[in-house]
Protein backbone atom coordinates (compact mmCIF):
# COMPACT_ATOMS: atom_id res chain seq x y z
CA UNK A 1 35.36 6.30 -126.75
CA UNK A 2 36.76 5.96 -123.02
CA UNK A 3 39.30 3.73 -123.63
CA UNK A 4 41.23 6.04 -125.10
CA UNK A 5 40.22 9.04 -122.27
CA UNK A 6 41.95 6.60 -120.14
CA UNK A 7 45.82 7.02 -119.02
CA UNK A 8 48.00 4.61 -119.34
CA UNK A 9 49.48 2.89 -116.02
CA UNK A 10 53.22 3.97 -116.96
CA UNK A 11 52.04 7.35 -117.53
CA UNK A 12 50.22 7.24 -113.69
CA UNK A 13 53.82 5.43 -112.32
CA UNK A 14 56.29 8.14 -113.79
CA UNK A 15 53.97 11.21 -112.11
CA UNK A 16 53.83 9.42 -109.18
CA UNK A 17 57.51 8.80 -108.62
CA UNK A 18 58.26 12.47 -110.04
CA UNK A 19 56.36 13.72 -106.93
CA UNK A 20 58.64 11.52 -105.14
CA UNK A 21 61.80 13.24 -106.75
CA UNK A 22 60.20 16.35 -105.42
CA UNK A 23 59.79 15.26 -101.69
CA UNK A 24 63.56 14.52 -101.97
CA UNK A 25 64.46 18.24 -102.49
CA UNK A 26 61.28 20.01 -100.37
CA UNK A 27 62.96 18.58 -96.86
CA UNK A 28 66.32 20.54 -97.42
CA UNK A 29 64.51 23.71 -98.68
CA UNK A 30 62.38 23.32 -95.57
CA UNK A 31 65.49 23.02 -93.39
CA UNK A 32 67.36 26.16 -94.79
CA UNK A 33 64.19 28.12 -95.03
CA UNK A 34 63.70 27.12 -90.95
CA UNK A 35 67.22 28.03 -90.32
CA UNK A 36 66.66 31.58 -91.53
CA UNK A 37 64.15 32.66 -88.79
CA UNK A 38 64.71 34.21 -86.05
CA UNK A 39 66.23 31.82 -82.68
CA UNK A 40 62.35 32.13 -80.96
CA UNK A 41 60.76 30.56 -84.13
CA UNK A 42 62.60 28.00 -85.25
CA UNK A 43 61.37 24.08 -84.79
CA UNK A 44 62.69 22.39 -82.43
CA UNK A 45 65.68 19.48 -83.20
CA UNK A 46 63.46 16.63 -83.18
CA UNK A 47 61.42 18.46 -86.47
CA UNK A 48 64.86 18.24 -88.33
CA UNK A 49 64.98 14.44 -87.63
CA UNK A 50 61.55 13.99 -88.86
CA UNK A 51 62.84 16.03 -92.10
CA UNK A 52 65.99 13.37 -92.16
CA UNK A 53 63.35 10.51 -92.02
CA UNK A 54 61.11 11.88 -95.06
CA UNK A 55 64.05 11.96 -97.18
CA UNK A 56 65.27 8.63 -96.21
CA UNK A 57 61.71 7.35 -96.88
CA UNK A 58 61.11 9.01 -100.39
CA UNK A 59 64.42 8.48 -101.57
CA UNK A 60 64.21 4.58 -101.16
CA UNK A 61 60.97 4.83 -102.87
CA UNK A 62 62.56 7.16 -105.56
CA UNK A 63 65.14 4.91 -106.25
CA UNK A 64 63.98 1.81 -106.03
CA UNK A 65 61.74 3.13 -109.22
CA UNK A 66 65.03 3.98 -111.14
CA UNK A 67 66.63 0.77 -110.13
CA UNK A 68 63.93 -1.09 -111.72
CA UNK A 69 63.62 1.15 -114.49
CA UNK A 70 67.13 0.62 -115.57
CA UNK A 71 67.21 -3.15 -114.25
CA UNK A 72 65.90 -4.88 -111.24
CA UNK A 73 64.47 -3.02 -108.72
CA UNK A 74 65.76 -2.97 -105.08
CA UNK A 75 62.46 -4.45 -103.43
CA UNK A 76 59.56 -5.86 -105.51
CA UNK A 77 56.38 -5.12 -103.70
C-alpha cells in the first residue's frame, strides 16, 4: 500500500525545477519594486548585484535541467 502513496522521482524533480523558474522571475520583480521605493528606503547597489547573481545561479540549474530533458545536460552531477 505504501508504494502507491510515494511520489515518483520525476515528479519531485519537475516540481523542484519549476521552483527554480520562479527564482528566475523573482529577482527582477524585487528589483522593480525596490526601485519604486522612496530614495532613502532603497537598497544599496550591491543588493542588486546579489539579485543578479541569484538569477545566474538559478538560471544555470534551470537551463541545465531543460537541456537534460531535451538532450544532454550541460553538467552532470
